[in-house]
Amino acid sequence: MNEHTFDINNKKIYVAGSEGMVGSAVCKELEKENCQVIKTPRSETDLMDKQSLDRWMSSNNPDAVIICAAKVGGILANQSYPVDFLYNNLIMQCNLINSSFKHNVKKLVFLGSSCIYPKFSPQPITEETLMSGNLERSNEWYAIAKIAGIKLCQAYRKQYNCDFISAMPTNLYGPNDNFDLENSHVIPALIRKCHEAKKTNNDTLEVWGSGNVRREFMHVDDCAKAIIFLLKSFSESEHINIGTGSDITIKNLVEMIKKIFDYRGNIFFDSSKPEGTPQKLLDVSKINKLGWRAKINLEEGLRQVISGLKEENFY
């Protein structure tokens, strides 16, 4: 860890993607701090337009930037819209990183994803595993964009000594998630399917894949706390993992969600559908040694999310 830390007191911090699941959680945590949080609706800032973003940065002069903005989605969305996941993410993050450099941003945090790692990485996956093997084909477009973002931050640090860092969260869930079955990740998709199966008295719930693959899931509030921890205290060229250090089979995850809903139907695992890499568990020893650990238990976190959806009349 670098000797210097970043003091966020009285600083202006721009959260790109403040309306999304991660961005909104980061803003909520930052508002507990003594700093000015800059949020912009999508309608006001076009991150794909370099000149528009440069004008905005010149007018607002943030001290720090946290890049939560991204085109995200599950396996189906990645396979259906490869251009969106590669091109859009490349342009957005390049514009934000370059504009941050041009406008003398003192600290930048770039968020990636655990899908940057090779499909058959040794488990748990250490940061050093990056680019050591072939990617999972179902989300390689998104992964390549995120790897490019890590490398661009490293390049600005190497050439211009910018304090730009990269953090790679594991699979996230929480408030403000996307529950559209065409574009969602596994937890919101399962919550939506389980809710609809119970509501319509459907005695079968269909799940993609065998149910045997293992995944790690972290509540977005834990992730937000980790991001602010790293903003304040981490300054290294190499990226850092953010996760819980434990995983679960999709089969057990489905049973957990069934239990919360009190859904009594059967589960049909459709093995003809893609399910991604066999296991994806991050090695979080590096961030743990720095003093941060995830705190929200998976079942407790899922209960919070499902209860919150009921209150918002999602059902």
C-alpha atoms as a PDB file:
ATOM      1  CA  MET A   1       0.000   0.000   0.000  1.00  0.00           C
ATOM      2  CA  ASN A   2       1.236   3.489  -0.850  1.00  0.00           C
ATOM      3  CA  GLU A   3       2.196   5.739   2.067  1.00  0.00           C
ATOM      4  CA  HIS A   4      -0.186   8.548   1.175  1.00  0.00           C
ATOM      5  CA  THR A   5      -3.919   8.551   1.691  1.00  0.00           C
ATOM      6  CA  PHE A   6      -6.627  10.667   0.074  1.00  0.00           C
ATOM      7  CA  ASP A   7      -8.507  12.938   2.481  1.00  0.00           C
ATOM      8  CA  ILE A   8     -12.086  13.330   1.223  1.00  0.00           C
ATOM      9  CA  ASN A   9     -13.033  16.021   3.754  1.00  0.00           C
ATOM     10  CA  ASN A  10     -14.544  19.033   1.948  1.00  0.00           C
ATOM     11  CA  LYS A  11     -13.688  17.471  -1.405  1.00  0.00           C
ATOM     12  CA  LYS A  12     -15.969  17.378  -4.462  1.00  0.00           C
ATOM     13  CA  ILE A  13     -16.506  13.767  -5.516  1.00  0.00           C
ATOM     14  CA  TYR A  14     -18.174  12.958  -8.825  1.00  0.00           C
ATOM     15  CA  VAL A  15     -19.941   9.592  -8.986  1.00  0.00           C
ATOM     16  CA  ALA A  16     -20.381   8.670 -12.654  1.00  0.00           C
ATOM     17  CA  GLY A  17     -23.404   6.397 -12.960  1.00  0.00           C
ATOM     18  CA  SER A  18     -25.031   7.725  -9.773  1.00  0.00           C
ATOM     19  CA  GLU A  19     -28.478   6.466 -10.816  1.00  0.00           C
ATOM     20  CA  GLY A  20     -27.423   2.807 -11.090  1.00  0.00           C
ATOM     21  CA  MET A  21     -27.315   0.162  -8.381  1.00  0.00           C
ATOM     22  CA  VAL A  22     -23.646   0.644  -7.471  1.00  0.00           C
ATOM     23  CA  GLY A  23     -23.560   4.410  -8.044  1.00  0.00           C
ATOM     24  CA  SER A  24     -26.614   5.084  -5.880  1.00  0.00           C
ATOM     25  CA  ALA A  25     -25.171   2.934  -3.063  1.00  0.00           C
ATOM     26  CA  VAL A  26     -21.844   4.795  -3.283  1.00  0.00           C
ATOM     27  CA  CYS A  27     -23.644   8.164  -3.146  1.00  0.00           C
ATOM     28  CA  LYS A  28     -25.611   7.018  -0.082  1.00  0.00           C
ATOM     29  CA  GLU A  29     -22.367   6.121   1.727  1.00  0.00           C
ATOM     30  CA  LEU A  30     -20.540   9.280   0.642  1.00  0.00           C
ATOM     31  CA  GLU A  31     -23.397  11.422   1.976  1.00  0.00           C
ATOM     32  CA  LYS A  32     -22.429  10.199   5.460  1.00  0.00           C
ATOM     33  CA  GLU A  33     -18.998  11.780   4.959  1.00  0.00           C
ATOM     34  CA  ASN A  34     -17.912  15.397   5.085  1.00  0.00           C
ATOM     35  CA  CYS A  35     -17.666  15.841   1.326  1.00  0.00           C
ATOM     36  CA  GLN A  36     -19.687  17.209  -1.590  1.00  0.00           C
ATOM     37  CA  VAL A  37     -21.221  14.449  -3.705  1.00  0.00           C
ATOM     38  CA  ILE A  38     -21.750  15.389  -7.363  1.00  0.00           C
ATOM     39  CA  LYS A  39     -24.509  13.405  -9.067  1.00  0.00           C
ATOM     40  CA  THR A  40     -25.784  13.921 -12.581  1.00  0.00           C
ATOM     41  CA  PRO A  41     -28.835  12.355 -14.215  1.00  0.00           C
ATOM     42  CA  ARG A  42     -28.220  10.480 -17.471  1.00  0.00           C
ATOM     43  CA  SER A  43     -30.167  13.173 -19.308  1.00  0.00           C
ATOM     44  CA  GLU A  44     -27.637  15.842 -18.251  1.00  0.00           C
ATOM     45  CA  THR A  45     -24.333  14.127 -18.956  1.00  0.00           C
ATOM     46  CA  ASP A  46     -23.661  12.079 -22.074  1.00  0.00           C
ATOM     47  CA  LEU A  47     -20.607  10.016 -21.163  1.00  0.00           C
ATOM     48  CA  MET A  48     -20.338   8.849 -24.786  1.00  0.00           C
ATOM     49  CA  ASP A  49     -19.789  12.476 -25.903  1.00  0.00           C
ATOM     50  CA  LYS A  50     -16.185  13.483 -25.137  1.00  0.00           C
ATOM     51  CA  GLN A  51     -16.661  17.220 -25.720  1.00  0.00           C
ATOM     52  CA  SER A  52     -19.836  17.377 -23.631  1.00  0.00           C
ATOM     53  CA  LEU A  53     -18.118  15.558 -20.766  1.00  0.00           C
ATOM     54  CA  ASP A  54     -15.057  17.833 -20.978  1.00  0.00           C
ATOM     55  CA  ARG A  55     -17.301  20.893 -20.696  1.00  0.00           C
ATOM     56  CA  TRP A  56     -19.074  19.400 -17.698  1.00  0.00           C
ATOM     57  CA  MET A  57     -15.769  18.529 -15.987  1.00  0.00           C
ATOM     58  CA  SER A  58     -14.435  22.027 -16.626  1.00  0.00           C
ATOM     59  CA  SER A  59     -17.536  23.572 -15.019  1.00  0.00           C
ATOM     60  CA  ASN A  60     -17.639  21.272 -11.979  1.00  0.00           C
ATOM     61  CA  ASN A  61     -13.941  20.574 -11.271  1.00  0.00           C
ATOM     62  CA  PRO A  62     -14.307  17.453  -9.106  1.00  0.00           C
ATOM     63  CA  ASP A  63     -11.419  16.498  -6.820  1.00  0.00           C
ATOM     64  CA  ALA A  64     -12.157  12.798  -7.210  1.00  0.00           C
ATOM     65  CA  VAL A  65     -14.078  10.613  -9.671  1.00  0.00           C
ATOM     66  CA  ILE A  66     -15.626   7.195  -9.036  1.00  0.00           C
ATOM     67  CA  ILE A  67     -16.565   5.390 -12.256  1.00  0.00           C
ATOM     68  CA  CYS A  68     -19.660   3.307 -11.567  1.00  0.00           C
ATOM     69  CA  ALA A  69     -21.176   3.992 -14.993  1.00  0.00           C
ATOM     70  CA  ALA A  70     -21.225   0.956 -17.287  1.00  0.00           C
ATOM     71  CA  LYS A  71     -23.349  -1.030 -19.678  1.00  0.00           C
ATOM     72  CA  VAL A  72     -24.078  -4.167 -17.628  1.00  0.00           C
ATOM     73  CA  GLY A  73     -26.215  -7.289 -17.934  1.00  0.00           C
ATOM     74  CA  GLY A  74     -26.372 -11.060 -17.627  1.00  0.00           C
ATOM     75  CA  ILE A  75     -25.397 -13.850 -20.022  1.00  0.00           C
ATOM     76  CA  LEU A  76     -28.344 -13.312 -22.391  1.00  0.00           C
ATOM     77  CA  ALA A  77     -27.702  -9.575 -22.716  1.00  0.00           C
ATOM     78  CA  ASN A  78     -23.943 -10.096 -23.248  1.00  0.00           C
ATOM     79  CA  GLN A  79     -24.572 -12.607 -26.007  1.00  0.00           C
ATOM     80  CA  SER A  80     -27.258 -10.475 -27.670  1.00  0.00           C
ATOM     81  CA  TYR A  81     -25.530  -7.057 -27.620  1.00  0.00           C
ATOM     82  CA  PRO A  82     -21.749  -7.554 -27.953  1.00  0.00           C
ATOM     83  CA  VAL A  83     -21.202  -4.107 -29.517  1.00  0.00           C
ATOM     84  CA  ASP A  84     -22.985  -2.364 -26.646  1.00  0.00           C
ATOM     85  CA  PHE A  85     -20.937  -4.222 -24.050  1.00  0.00           C
ATOM     86  CA  LEU A  86     -17.588  -3.658 -25.757  1.00  0.00           C
ATOM     87  CA  TYR A  87     -17.846  -0.322 -27.599  1.00  0.00           C
ATOM     88  CA  ASN A  88     -20.094   1.576 -25.178  1.00  0.00           C
ATOM     89  CA  ASN A  89     -18.059   0.591 -22.142  1.00  0.00           C
ATOM     90  CA  LEU A  90     -14.755   1.391 -23.874  1.00  0.00           C
ATOM     91  CA  ILE A  91     -15.931   4.854 -24.931  1.00  0.00           C
ATOM     92  CA  MET A  92     -17.527   5.755 -21.581  1.00  0.00           C
ATOM     93  CA  GLN A  93     -14.560   4.754 -19.466  1.00  0.00           C
ATOM     94  CA  CYS A  94     -11.960   6.218 -21.843  1.00  0.00           C
ATOM     95  CA  ASN A  95     -13.797   9.545 -21.889  1.00  0.00           C
ATOM     96  CA  LEU A  96     -14.067   9.621 -18.084  1.00  0.00           C
ATOM     97  CA  ILE A  97     -10.450   8.609 -17.432  1.00  0.00           C
ATOM     98  CA  ASN A  98      -9.011  10.980 -20.045  1.00  0.00           C
ATOM     99  CA  SER A  99     -11.200  13.890 -18.941  1.00  0.00           C
ATOM    100  CA  SER A 100     -10.214  13.284 -15.307  1.00  0.00           C
ATOM    101  CA  PHE A 101      -6.556  13.569 -16.318  1.00  0.00           C
ATOM    102  CA  LYS A 102      -7.143  16.742 -18.364  1.00  0.00           C
ATOM    103  CA  HIS A 103      -9.014  18.424 -15.499  1.00  0.00           C
ATOM    104  CA  ASN A 104      -6.493  17.519 -12.782  1.00  0.00           C
ATOM    105  CA  VAL A 105      -8.667  15.090 -10.830  1.00  0.00           C
ATOM    106  CA  LYS A 106      -6.586  14.065  -7.800  1.00  0.00           C
ATOM    107  CA  LYS A 107      -8.021  10.551  -7.315  1.00  0.00           C
ATOM    108  CA  LEU A 108      -9.967   8.237  -9.613  1.00  0.00           C
ATOM    109  CA  VAL A 109     -11.523   4.859  -8.831  1.00  0.00           C
ATOM    110  CA  PHE A 110     -12.365   2.659 -11.809  1.00  0.00           C
ATOM    111  CA  LEU A 111     -14.755  -0.227 -11.158  1.00  0.00           C
ATOM    112  CA  GLY A 112     -14.482  -3.421 -13.130  1.00  0.00           C
ATOM    113  CA  SER A 113     -15.886  -6.894 -12.609  1.00  0.00           C
ATOM    114  CA  SER A 114     -14.793 -10.391 -11.627  1.00  0.00           C
ATOM    115  CA  CYS A 115     -15.501 -11.500 -15.214  1.00  0.00           C
ATOM    116  CA  ILE A 116     -12.104 -10.054 -16.223  1.00  0.00           C
ATOM    117  CA  TYR A 117     -10.468 -13.291 -15.073  1.00  0.00           C
ATOM    118  CA  PRO A 118      -9.878 -16.413 -17.199  1.00  0.00           C
ATOM    119  CA  LYS A 119     -12.668 -18.994 -17.321  1.00  0.00           C
ATOM    120  CA  PHE A 120     -10.634 -21.719 -15.614  1.00  0.00           C
ATOM    121  CA  SER A 121      -8.785 -19.615 -13.046  1.00  0.00           C
ATOM    122  CA  PRO A 122      -7.422 -21.371  -9.937  1.00  0.00           C
ATOM    123  CA  GLN A 123      -9.838 -20.748  -7.054  1.00  0.00           C
ATOM    124  CA  PRO A 124      -9.977 -18.432  -5.207  1.00  0.00           C
ATOM    125  CA  ILE A 125      -8.924 -15.998  -7.936  1.00  0.00           C
ATOM    126  CA  THR A 126      -5.995 -13.724  -7.073  1.00  0.00           C
ATOM    127  CA  GLU A 127      -5.397 -10.376  -8.762  1.00  0.00           C
ATOM    128  CA  GLU A 128      -2.290 -11.840 -10.457  1.00  0.00           C
ATOM    129  CA  THR A 129      -4.489 -14.251 -12.466  1.00  0.00           C
ATOM    130  CA  LEU A 130      -5.490 -11.469 -14.880  1.00  0.00           C
ATOM    131  CA  MET A 131      -4.683 -12.264 -18.538  1.00  0.00           C
ATOM    132  CA  SER A 132      -3.276 -15.707 -17.701  1.00  0.00           C
ATOM    133  CA  GLY A 133      -5.811 -17.648 -19.820  1.00  0.00           C
ATOM    134  CA  ASN A 134      -8.887 -17.547 -22.040  1.00  0.00           C
ATOM    135  CA  LEU A 135     -11.957 -15.585 -20.960  1.00  0.00           C
ATOM    136  CA  GLU A 136     -15.461 -16.998 -20.500  1.00  0.00           C
ATOM    137  CA  ARG A 137     -16.965 -16.590 -23.993  1.00  0.00           C
ATOM    138  CA  SER A 138     -20.443 -15.614 -22.751  1.00  0.00           C
ATOM    139  CA  ASN A 139     -19.218 -12.280 -21.364  1.00  0.00           C
ATOM    140  CA  GLU A 140     -15.887 -11.671 -23.085  1.00  0.00           C
ATOM    141  CA  TRP A 141     -17.032  -8.361 -24.649  1.00  0.00           C
ATOM    142  CA  TYR A 142     -17.667  -6.802 -21.251  1.00  0.00           C
ATOM    143  CA  ALA A 143     -14.534  -8.392 -19.784  1.00  0.00           C
ATOM    144  CA  ILE A 144     -12.270  -7.012 -22.534  1.00  0.00           C
ATOM    145  CA  ALA A 145     -13.657  -3.507 -22.013  1.00  0.00           C
ATOM    146  CA  LYS A 146     -13.006  -3.725 -18.262  1.00  0.00           C
ATOM    147  CA  ILE A 147      -9.476  -5.062 -18.753  1.00  0.00           C
ATOM    148  CA  ALA A 148      -8.807  -2.098 -21.059  1.00  0.00           C
ATOM    149  CA  GLY A 149     -10.023   0.236 -18.281  1.00  0.00           C
ATOM    150  CA  ILE A 150      -7.587  -1.290 -15.784  1.00  0.00           C
ATOM    151  CA  LYS A 151      -4.737  -0.926 -18.266  1.00  0.00           C
ATOM    152  CA  LEU A 152      -5.660   2.681 -19.098  1.00  0.00           C
ATOM    153  CA  CYS A 153      -5.560   3.617 -15.400  1.00  0.00           C
ATOM    154  CA  GLN A 154      -2.171   1.910 -15.133  1.00  0.00           C
ATOM    155  CA  ALA A 155      -0.962   3.783 -18.220  1.00  0.00           C
ATOM    156  CA  TYR A 156      -1.930   7.203 -16.808  1.00  0.00           C
ATOM    157  CA  ARG A 157      -0.270   6.292 -13.511  1.00  0.00           C
ATOM    158  CA  LYS A 158       2.920   5.173 -15.280  1.00  0.00           C
ATOM    159  CA  GLN A 159       3.195   8.056 -17.760  1.00  0.00           C
ATOM    160  CA  TYR A 160       1.734  10.943 -15.733  1.00  0.00           C
ATOM    161  CA  ASN A 161       1.872   9.701 -12.116  1.00  0.00           C
ATOM    162  CA  CYS A 162      -1.932   9.956 -11.749  1.00  0.00           C
ATOM    163  CA  ASP A 163      -3.476   8.445  -8.634  1.00  0.00           C
ATOM    164  CA  PHE A 164      -5.912   6.316 -10.648  1.00  0.00           C
ATOM    165  CA  ILE A 165      -6.840   2.947  -9.118  1.00  0.00           C
ATOM    166  CA  SER A 166      -8.991  -0.025 -10.189  1.00  0.00           C
ATOM    167  CA  ALA A 167     -11.218  -2.234  -8.061  1.00  0.00           C
ATOM    168  CA  MET A 168     -12.881  -5.473  -9.188  1.00  0.00           C
ATOM    169  CA  PRO A 169     -16.084  -6.333  -7.305  1.00  0.00           C
ATOM    170  CA  THR A 170     -17.610  -9.798  -7.326  1.00  0.00           C
ATOM    171  CA  ASN A 171     -21.258 -10.391  -8.380  1.00  0.00           C
ATOM    172  CA  LEU A 172     -23.445  -7.751  -6.744  1.00  0.00           C
ATOM    173  CA  TYR A 173     -27.088  -7.530  -5.731  1.00  0.00           C
ATOM    174  CA  GLY A 174     -29.196  -5.028  -3.825  1.00  0.00           C
ATOM    175  CA  PRO A 175     -31.581  -2.072  -4.083  1.00  0.00           C
ATOM    176  CA  ASN A 176     -31.963  -0.445  -7.529  1.00  0.00           C
ATOM    177  CA  ASP A 177     -31.017  -3.672  -9.302  1.00  0.00           C
ATOM    178  CA  ASN A 178     -32.339  -4.485 -12.781  1.00  0.00           C
ATOM    179  CA  PHE A 179     -35.175  -7.043 -12.691  1.00  0.00           C
ATOM    180  CA  ASP A 180     -35.777  -7.197 -16.454  1.00  0.00           C
ATOM    181  CA  LEU A 181     -35.433 -10.881 -17.390  1.00  0.00           C
ATOM    182  CA  GLU A 182     -33.845  -9.974 -20.741  1.00  0.00           C
ATOM    183  CA  ASN A 183     -30.967  -8.020 -19.192  1.00  0.00           C
ATOM    184  CA  SER A 184     -30.657  -8.932 -15.519  1.00  0.00           C
ATOM    185  CA  HIS A 185     -28.018 -10.835 -13.580  1.00  0.00           C
ATOM    186  CA  VAL A 186     -28.727 -14.111 -11.781  1.00  0.00           C
ATOM    187  CA  ILE A 187     -30.093 -12.903  -8.408  1.00  0.00           C
ATOM    188  CA  PRO A 188     -32.612 -10.345  -9.735  1.00  0.00           C
ATOM    189  CA  ALA A 189     -33.646 -12.823 -12.455  1.00  0.00           C
ATOM    190  CA  LEU A 190     -34.283 -15.548  -9.866  1.00  0.00           C
ATOM    191  CA  ILE A 191     -36.173 -13.161  -7.587  1.00  0.00           C
ATOM    192  CA  ARG A 192     -38.373 -12.077 -10.497  1.00  0.00           C
ATOM    193  CA  LYS A 193     -38.984 -15.669 -11.653  1.00  0.00           C
ATOM    194  CA  CYS A 194     -39.773 -16.891  -8.133  1.00  0.00           C
ATOM    195  CA  HIS A 195     -42.156 -13.999  -7.506  1.00  0.00           C
ATOM    196  CA  GLU A 196     -44.004 -14.598 -10.792  1.00  0.00           C
ATOM    197  CA  ALA A 197     -44.170 -18.378 -10.299  1.00  0.00           C
ATOM    198  CA  LYS A 198     -45.737 -17.927  -6.868  1.00  0.00           C
ATOM    199  CA  LYS A 199     -48.097 -15.175  -8.035  1.00  0.00           C
ATOM    200  CA  THR A 200     -49.437 -17.290 -10.930  1.00  0.00           C
ATOM    201  CA  ASN A 201     -49.455 -20.553  -8.944  1.00  0.00           C
ATOM    202  CA  ASN A 202     -46.976 -22.045 -11.404  1.00  0.00           C
ATOM    203  CA  ASP A 203     -45.662 -25.284  -9.908  1.00  0.00           C
ATOM    204  CA  THR A 204     -42.365 -25.170 -11.852  1.00  0.00           C
ATOM    205  CA  LEU A 205     -39.575 -22.591 -11.771  1.00  0.00           C
ATOM    206  CA  GLU A 206     -37.127 -22.767 -14.708  1.00  0.00           C
ATOM    207  CA  VAL A 207     -33.470 -21.939 -14.081  1.00  0.00           C
ATOM    208  CA  TRP A 208     -30.728 -21.739 -16.704  1.00  0.00           C
ATOM    209  CA  GLY A 209     -27.905 -24.273 -16.444  1.00  0.00           C
ATOM    210  CA  SER A 210     -27.290 -27.306 -14.231  1.00  0.00           C
ATOM    211  CA  GLY A 211     -27.403 -25.429 -10.949  1.00  0.00           C
ATOM    212  CA  ASN A 212     -23.982 -26.826 -10.038  1.00  0.00           C
ATOM    213  CA  VAL A 213     -21.819 -23.800 -10.889  1.00  0.00           C
ATOM    214  CA  ARG A 214     -20.604 -21.790  -7.921  1.00  0.00           C
ATOM    215  CA  ARG A 215     -20.840 -18.017  -7.568  1.00  0.00           C
ATOM    216  CA  GLU A 216     -19.910 -15.395  -4.998  1.00  0.00           C
ATOM    217  CA  PHE A 217     -22.475 -12.685  -4.228  1.00  0.00           C
ATOM    218  CA  MET A 218     -22.008  -9.435  -2.312  1.00  0.00           C
ATOM    219  CA  HIS A 219     -24.571  -6.865  -1.201  1.00  0.00           C
ATOM    220  CA  VAL A 220     -24.029  -3.554  -2.985  1.00  0.00           C
ATOM    221  CA  ASP A 221     -23.905  -1.679   0.348  1.00  0.00           C
ATOM    222  CA  ASP A 222     -20.813  -3.689   1.300  1.00  0.00           C
ATOM    223  CA  CYS A 223     -19.322  -2.882  -2.098  1.00  0.00           C
ATOM    224  CA  ALA A 224     -20.011   0.844  -1.648  1.00  0.00           C
ATOM    225  CA  LYS A 225     -18.244   0.838   1.720  1.00  0.00           C
ATOM    226  CA  ALA A 226     -15.263  -0.947   0.142  1.00  0.00           C
ATOM    227  CA  ILE A 227     -15.055   1.606  -2.677  1.00  0.00           C
ATOM    228  CA  ILE A 228     -14.939   4.532  -0.236  1.00  0.00           C
ATOM    229  CA  PHE A 229     -12.379   2.658   1.883  1.00  0.00           C
ATOM    230  CA  LEU A 230     -10.177   2.255  -1.207  1.00  0.00           C
ATOM    231  CA  LEU A 231     -10.756   5.865  -2.313  1.00  0.00           C
ATOM    232  CA  LYS A 232      -9.321   7.015   1.012  1.00  0.00           C
ATOM    233  CA  SER A 233      -6.554   4.515   1.597  1.00  0.00           C
ATOM    234  CA  PHE A 234      -5.462   2.566  -1.497  1.00  0.00           C
ATOM    235  CA  SER A 235      -2.992   3.760  -4.119  1.00  0.00           C
ATOM    236  CA  GLU A 236      -1.406   1.058  -6.250  1.00  0.00           C
ATOM    237  CA  SER A 237      -1.007   0.395  -9.950  1.00  0.00           C
ATOM    238  CA  GLU A 238      -2.399  -3.147  -9.734  1.00  0.00           C
ATOM    239  CA  HIS A 239      -6.147  -3.621  -9.355  1.00  0.00           C
ATOM    240  CA  ILE A 240      -7.708  -5.020  -6.175  1.00  0.00           C
ATOM    241  CA  ASN A 241     -10.523  -7.528  -5.624  1.00  0.00           C
ATOM    242  CA  ILE A 242     -13.658  -6.743  -3.609  1.00  0.00           C
ATOM    243  CA  GLY A 243     -15.688  -9.720  -2.400  1.00  0.00           C
ATOM    244  CA  THR A 244     -16.967 -11.782   0.501  1.00  0.00           C
ATOM    245  CA  GLY A 245     -14.536 -14.682   0.339  1.00  0.00           C
ATOM    246  CA  SER A 246     -17.309 -17.310   0.142  1.00  0.00           C
ATOM    247  CA  ASP A 247     -19.473 -18.756  -2.640  1.00  0.00           C
ATOM    248  CA  ILE A 248     -22.602 -20.870  -3.172  1.00  0.00           C
ATOM    249  CA  THR A 249     -23.993 -23.163  -5.876  1.00  0.00           C
ATOM    250  CA  ILE A 250     -26.798 -21.749  -8.002  1.00  0.00           C
ATOM    251  CA  LYS A 251     -28.906 -24.692  -6.820  1.00  0.00           C
ATOM    252  CA  ASN A 252     -28.483 -23.642  -3.164  1.00  0.00           C
ATOM    253  CA  LEU A 253     -29.072 -20.009  -4.085  1.00  0.00           C
ATOM    254  CA  VAL A 254     -32.406 -20.943  -5.696  1.00  0.00           C
ATOM    255  CA  GLU A 255     -33.392 -22.911  -2.584  1.00  0.00           C
ATOM    256  CA  MET A 256     -32.540 -19.885  -0.421  1.00  0.00           C
ATOM    257  CA  ILE A 257     -34.727 -17.579  -2.535  1.00  0.00           C
ATOM    258  CA  LYS A 258     -37.536 -20.189  -2.588  1.00  0.00           C
ATOM    259  CA  LYS A 259     -37.436 -20.309   1.200  1.00  0.00           C
ATOM    260  CA  ILE A 260     -37.686 -16.515   1.531  1.00  0.00           C
ATOM    261  CA  PHE A 261     -40.703 -16.449  -0.821  1.00  0.00           C
ATOM    262  CA  ASP A 262     -42.185 -19.596   0.742  1.00  0.00           C
ATOM    263  CA  TYR A 263     -42.525 -20.950  -2.805  1.00  0.00           C
ATOM    264  CA  ARG A 264     -43.379 -24.666  -2.785  1.00  0.00           C
ATOM    265  CA  GLY A 265     -42.992 -25.487  -6.500  1.00  0.00           C
ATOM    266  CA  ASN A 266     -40.373 -27.579  -8.286  1.00  0.00           C
ATOM    267  CA  ILE A 267     -37.155 -26.321  -9.856  1.00  0.00           C
ATOM    268  CA  PHE A 268     -36.315 -27.304 -13.432  1.00  0.00           C
ATOM    269  CA  PHE A 269     -32.660 -26.790 -14.311  1.00  0.00           C
ATOM    270  CA  ASP A 270     -32.335 -26.379 -18.084  1.00  0.00           C
ATOM    271  CA  SER A 271     -28.851 -27.746 -18.803  1.00  0.00           C
ATOM    272  CA  SER A 272     -29.166 -26.804 -22.486  1.00  0.00           C
ATOM    273  CA  LYS A 273     -28.823 -23.131 -21.493  1.00  0.00           C
ATOM    274  CA  PRO A 274     -25.424 -21.477 -20.867  1.00  0.00           C
ATOM    275  CA  GLU A 275     -24.298 -21.039 -17.286  1.00  0.00           C
ATOM    276  CA  GLY A 276     -20.842 -19.485 -17.599  1.00  0.00           C
ATOM    277  CA  THR A 277     -17.636 -20.456 -15.834  1.00  0.00           C
ATOM    278  CA  PRO A 278     -17.771 -23.405 -13.355  1.00  0.00           C
ATOM    279  CA  GLN A 279     -16.668 -21.349 -10.340  1.00  0.00           C
ATOM    280  CA  LYS A 280     -15.852 -17.719  -9.700  1.00  0.00           C
ATOM    281  CA  LEU A 281     -14.645 -16.949  -6.182  1.00  0.00           C
ATOM    282  CA  LEU A 282     -12.369 -13.988  -5.597  1.00  0.00           C
ATOM    283  CA  ASP A 283      -9.344 -14.055  -3.337  1.00  0.00           C
ATOM    284  CA  VAL A 284      -9.971 -11.061  -1.069  1.00  0.00           C
ATOM    285  CA  SER A 285      -6.943 -11.477   1.191  1.00  0.00           C
ATOM    286  CA  LYS A 286      -5.373  -8.277  -0.161  1.00  0.00           C
ATOM    287  CA  ILE A 287      -8.258  -5.956   0.781  1.00  0.00           C
ATOM    288  CA  ASN A 288      -8.820  -7.872   4.040  1.00  0.00           C
ATOM    289  CA  LYS A 289      -5.201  -7.242   5.054  1.00  0.00           C
ATOM    290  CA  LEU A 290      -5.726  -3.536   4.412  1.00  0.00           C
ATOM    291  CA  GLY A 291      -8.557  -3.583   6.975  1.00  0.00           C
ATOM    292  CA  TRP A 292     -11.832  -4.046   5.062  1.00  0.00           C
ATOM    293  CA  ARG A 293     -14.224  -7.022   5.176  1.00  0.00           C
ATOM    294  CA  ALA A 294     -17.739  -7.619   3.844  1.00  0.00           C
ATOM    295  CA  LYS A 295     -20.337  -7.800   6.622  1.00  0.00           C
ATOM    296  CA  ILE A 296     -23.761  -8.597   5.118  1.00  0.00           C
ATOM    297  CA  ASN A 297     -24.711 -12.278   5.166  1.00  0.00           C
ATOM    298  CA  LEU A 298     -26.202 -13.497   1.849  1.00  0.00           C
ATOM    299  CA  GLU A 299     -29.542 -14.732   3.203  1.00  0.00           C
ATOM    300  CA  GLU A 300     -29.940 -11.616   5.347  1.00  0.00           C
ATOM    301  CA  GLY A 301     -29.122  -9.427   2.330  1.00  0.00           C
ATOM    302  CA  LEU A 302     -31.608 -11.255   0.089  1.00  0.00           C
ATOM    303  CA  ARG A 303     -34.350 -10.861   2.707  1.00  0.00           C
ATOM    304  CA  GLN A 304     -33.644  -7.108   2.836  1.00  0.00           C
ATOM    305  CA  VAL A 305     -33.844  -6.784  -0.950  1.00  0.00           C
ATOM    306  CA  ILE A 306     -37.053  -8.813  -1.303  1.00  0.00           C
ATOM    307  CA  SER A 307     -38.686  -6.956   1.598  1.00  0.00           C
ATOM    308  CA  GLY A 308     -37.699  -3.628   0.005  1.00  0.00           C
ATOM    309  CA  LEU A 309     -39.259  -4.656  -3.299  1.00  0.00           C
ATOM    310  CA  LYS A 310     -42.564  -5.406  -1.559  1.00  0.00           C
ATOM    311  CA  GLU A 311     -42.515  -1.935  -0.004  1.00  0.00           C
ATOM    312  CA  GLU A 312     -41.937  -0.380  -3.434  1.00  0.00           C
ATOM    313  CA  ASN A 313     -44.917  -2.312  -4.852  1.00  0.00           C
ATOM    314  CA  PHE A 314     -42.670  -4.295  -7.183  1.00  0.00           C
ATOM    315  CA  TYR A 315     -45.135  -7.106  -6.525  1.00  0.00           C
END
